[in-house]
Amino acid sequence: MPRLLPIARSLSSLFRAQTLLAAAAATGLISAPGAAAGVPDGGIVWMEIRAVDVSRAQAFYSGLFGWTFVPLGPAAALFRAPNLEGMINAEPGHVPGQASMTGYFKVAKVRDACELAARLGGSIAVTPRPLPGKGSFCVVNDTEQNRLGLISDEPAP
């Protein structure tokens, strides 16, 4: 049972992040992540960064790269960077340095790419689902258990 706790915590924070992402997309706070103009399939178009202290992380990335932020409350903020958007979110029980970032890669069709990832030895963490008015996404683990998102401007089937 103790081995399942980190997995449960990880899934809980993943679903919380999905809810925030869907809400941000629905309100128009972000552009369509899957439809980043000029980004070819395989390019990173969305990044999620886990943090213990969201304000501290915002100050770091703003100071280092000049990113701008749209707060979503004390536990999350969207950011805009050249050719990239994303979110910093607080994750209960987050251990700095462990699975701290998730990149979302543009693909032509989320369902096809998700199934291909599984056939190549990866696993599906979050099945394909819609981003209201923005396309669809899923989350997979690679063969080394690194998490990555797949995102498209094509609606979920």
Protein backbone atom coordinates (compact mmCIF):
# COMPACT_ATOMS: atom_id res chain seq x y z
CA MET A 1 0.00 0.00 0.00
CA PRO A 2 2.74 2.60 0.76
CA ARG A 3 4.02 2.24 -2.83
CA LEU A 4 0.63 3.28 -4.18
CA LEU A 5 0.54 6.57 -2.26
CA PRO A 6 2.95 8.48 -4.56
CA ILE A 7 1.05 7.20 -7.59
CA ALA A 8 -2.28 8.31 -6.10
CA ARG A 9 -0.84 11.74 -5.25
CA SER A 10 0.58 12.10 -8.75
CA LEU A 11 -2.72 11.19 -10.39
CA SER A 12 -4.64 13.53 -8.08
CA SER A 13 -2.43 16.49 -8.99
CA LEU A 14 -2.54 15.54 -12.67
CA PHE A 15 -6.34 15.63 -12.68
CA ARG A 16 -6.28 18.96 -10.79
CA ALA A 17 -3.93 20.36 -13.45
CA GLN A 18 -6.23 19.06 -16.20
CA THR A 19 -9.16 20.87 -14.58
CA LEU A 20 -7.18 24.13 -14.43
CA LEU A 21 -6.03 23.72 -18.04
CA ALA A 22 -9.56 23.06 -19.27
CA ALA A 23 -10.87 26.06 -17.30
CA ALA A 24 -8.14 28.34 -18.68
CA ALA A 25 -8.83 27.16 -22.24
CA ALA A 26 -12.58 27.66 -21.82
CA THR A 27 -12.15 31.22 -20.54
CA GLY A 28 -9.77 32.23 -23.31
CA LEU A 29 -6.89 33.00 -20.91
CA ILE A 30 -4.67 30.92 -23.19
CA SER A 31 -4.57 30.36 -26.91
CA ALA A 32 -5.24 26.95 -28.41
CA PRO A 33 -2.20 24.95 -27.24
CA GLY A 34 -2.52 22.31 -29.94
CA ALA A 35 -2.81 24.86 -32.70
CA ALA A 36 0.35 26.85 -32.05
CA ALA A 37 0.97 28.65 -35.31
CA GLY A 38 4.05 27.47 -37.10
CA VAL A 39 4.87 24.69 -34.62
CA PRO A 40 5.41 21.39 -36.42
CA ASP A 41 4.20 18.06 -35.05
CA GLY A 42 6.61 17.03 -32.31
CA GLY A 43 7.21 20.61 -31.15
CA ILE A 44 6.54 21.56 -27.52
CA VAL A 45 3.52 23.86 -27.28
CA TRP A 46 2.59 23.64 -23.57
CA MET A 47 4.61 23.13 -20.38
CA GLU A 48 3.43 22.42 -16.84
CA ILE A 49 5.83 23.17 -14.01
CA ARG A 50 5.16 21.84 -10.50
CA ALA A 51 6.13 24.04 -7.59
CA VAL A 52 6.00 24.14 -3.83
CA ASP A 53 5.72 27.96 -3.91
CA VAL A 54 4.03 29.29 -7.05
CA SER A 55 4.94 32.93 -6.34
CA ARG A 56 8.61 32.04 -5.89
CA ALA A 57 8.59 30.02 -9.15
CA GLN A 58 6.93 32.94 -10.99
CA ALA A 59 9.64 35.31 -9.77
CA PHE A 60 12.35 32.89 -10.93
CA TYR A 61 10.99 32.37 -14.48
CA SER A 62 9.99 36.02 -14.87
CA GLY A 63 13.47 37.14 -13.82
CA LEU A 64 15.30 34.53 -15.89
CA PHE A 65 13.27 34.62 -19.11
CA GLY A 66 10.93 37.61 -18.82
CA TRP A 67 7.82 35.40 -18.88
CA THR A 68 4.49 37.05 -18.04
CA PHE A 69 1.91 35.41 -15.79
CA VAL A 70 -1.87 35.29 -15.39
CA PRO A 71 -2.66 34.21 -11.79
CA LEU A 72 -5.32 31.53 -11.29
CA GLY A 73 -5.32 31.96 -7.51
CA PRO A 74 -2.55 31.18 -5.01
CA ALA A 75 -1.97 27.63 -6.29
CA ALA A 76 -1.57 28.20 -10.06
CA ALA A 77 -0.59 30.71 -12.72
CA LEU A 78 -0.50 30.58 -16.49
CA PHE A 79 2.59 31.86 -18.25
CA ARG A 80 3.36 33.17 -21.70
CA ALA A 81 6.79 32.84 -23.23
CA PRO A 82 8.00 33.14 -26.82
CA ASN A 83 6.39 30.26 -28.76
CA LEU A 84 5.22 28.56 -25.56
CA GLU A 85 2.45 28.79 -22.99
CA GLY A 86 2.06 26.83 -19.81
CA MET A 87 1.17 26.70 -16.16
CA ILE A 88 2.96 26.66 -12.83
CA ASN A 89 0.88 24.85 -10.24
CA ALA A 90 1.30 23.89 -6.60
CA GLU A 91 1.22 20.18 -6.02
CA PRO A 92 0.56 18.87 -2.50
CA GLY A 93 3.43 16.64 -1.44
CA HIS A 94 5.58 17.76 -4.36
CA VAL A 95 9.24 16.85 -3.91
CA PRO A 96 11.37 19.36 -5.84
CA GLY A 97 13.27 17.71 -8.66
CA GLN A 98 11.02 14.67 -9.00
CA ALA A 99 8.80 14.71 -12.11
CA SER A 100 8.66 18.49 -11.92
CA MET A 101 7.81 19.37 -15.52
CA THR A 102 5.51 17.94 -18.16
CA GLY A 103 5.92 19.05 -21.77
CA TYR A 104 2.98 18.79 -24.17
CA PHE A 105 4.03 17.93 -27.70
CA LYS A 106 1.95 18.82 -30.75
CA VAL A 107 0.65 15.84 -32.75
CA ALA A 108 -1.71 15.54 -35.70
CA LYS A 109 -4.17 13.18 -33.95
CA VAL A 110 -4.10 12.63 -30.20
CA ARG A 111 -5.81 9.22 -30.20
CA ASP A 112 -3.43 7.81 -32.85
CA ALA A 113 -0.33 9.15 -31.08
CA CYS A 114 -1.56 7.87 -27.71
CA GLU A 115 -2.10 4.37 -29.12
CA LEU A 116 1.30 4.48 -30.85
CA ALA A 117 3.02 5.43 -27.59
CA ALA A 118 1.48 2.37 -25.91
CA ARG A 119 2.54 0.10 -28.80
CA LEU A 120 6.10 1.43 -28.50
CA GLY A 121 6.29 0.32 -24.86
CA GLY A 122 4.95 3.40 -23.10
CA SER A 123 1.82 3.56 -20.98
CA ILE A 124 -1.27 5.76 -21.00
CA ALA A 125 -1.62 7.96 -17.90
CA VAL A 126 -4.62 10.00 -19.10
CA THR A 127 -6.77 8.83 -21.99
CA PRO A 128 -7.56 11.27 -24.82
CA ARG A 129 -10.02 13.94 -23.76
CA PRO A 130 -11.28 17.26 -25.07
CA LEU A 131 -9.97 20.72 -24.29
CA PRO A 132 -13.23 22.68 -24.60
CA GLY A 133 -13.10 24.71 -27.79
CA LYS A 134 -9.36 24.09 -28.17
CA GLY A 135 -8.82 20.49 -29.36
CA SER A 136 -7.79 17.43 -27.37
CA PHE A 137 -4.94 15.99 -25.32
CA CYS A 138 -3.73 12.91 -23.48
CA VAL A 139 -0.82 12.11 -21.18
CA VAL A 140 1.50 9.13 -21.63
CA ASN A 141 4.58 7.74 -19.90
CA ASP A 142 7.57 6.79 -22.03
CA THR A 143 9.49 3.54 -21.58
CA GLU A 144 11.49 5.16 -18.73
CA GLN A 145 8.36 6.43 -16.93
CA ASN A 146 8.86 10.05 -17.98
CA ARG A 147 5.51 11.78 -18.39
CA LEU A 148 4.66 13.74 -21.54
CA GLY A 149 1.51 15.22 -22.96
CA LEU A 150 0.26 14.91 -26.51
CA ILE A 151 -1.95 17.71 -27.77
CA SER A 152 -3.77 18.58 -31.00
CA ASP A 153 -6.18 21.16 -32.31
CA GLU A 154 -8.31 18.26 -33.60
CA PRO A 155 -11.33 17.63 -31.32
CA ALA A 156 -11.40 14.43 -29.26
CA PRO A 157 -13.39 11.65 -30.96
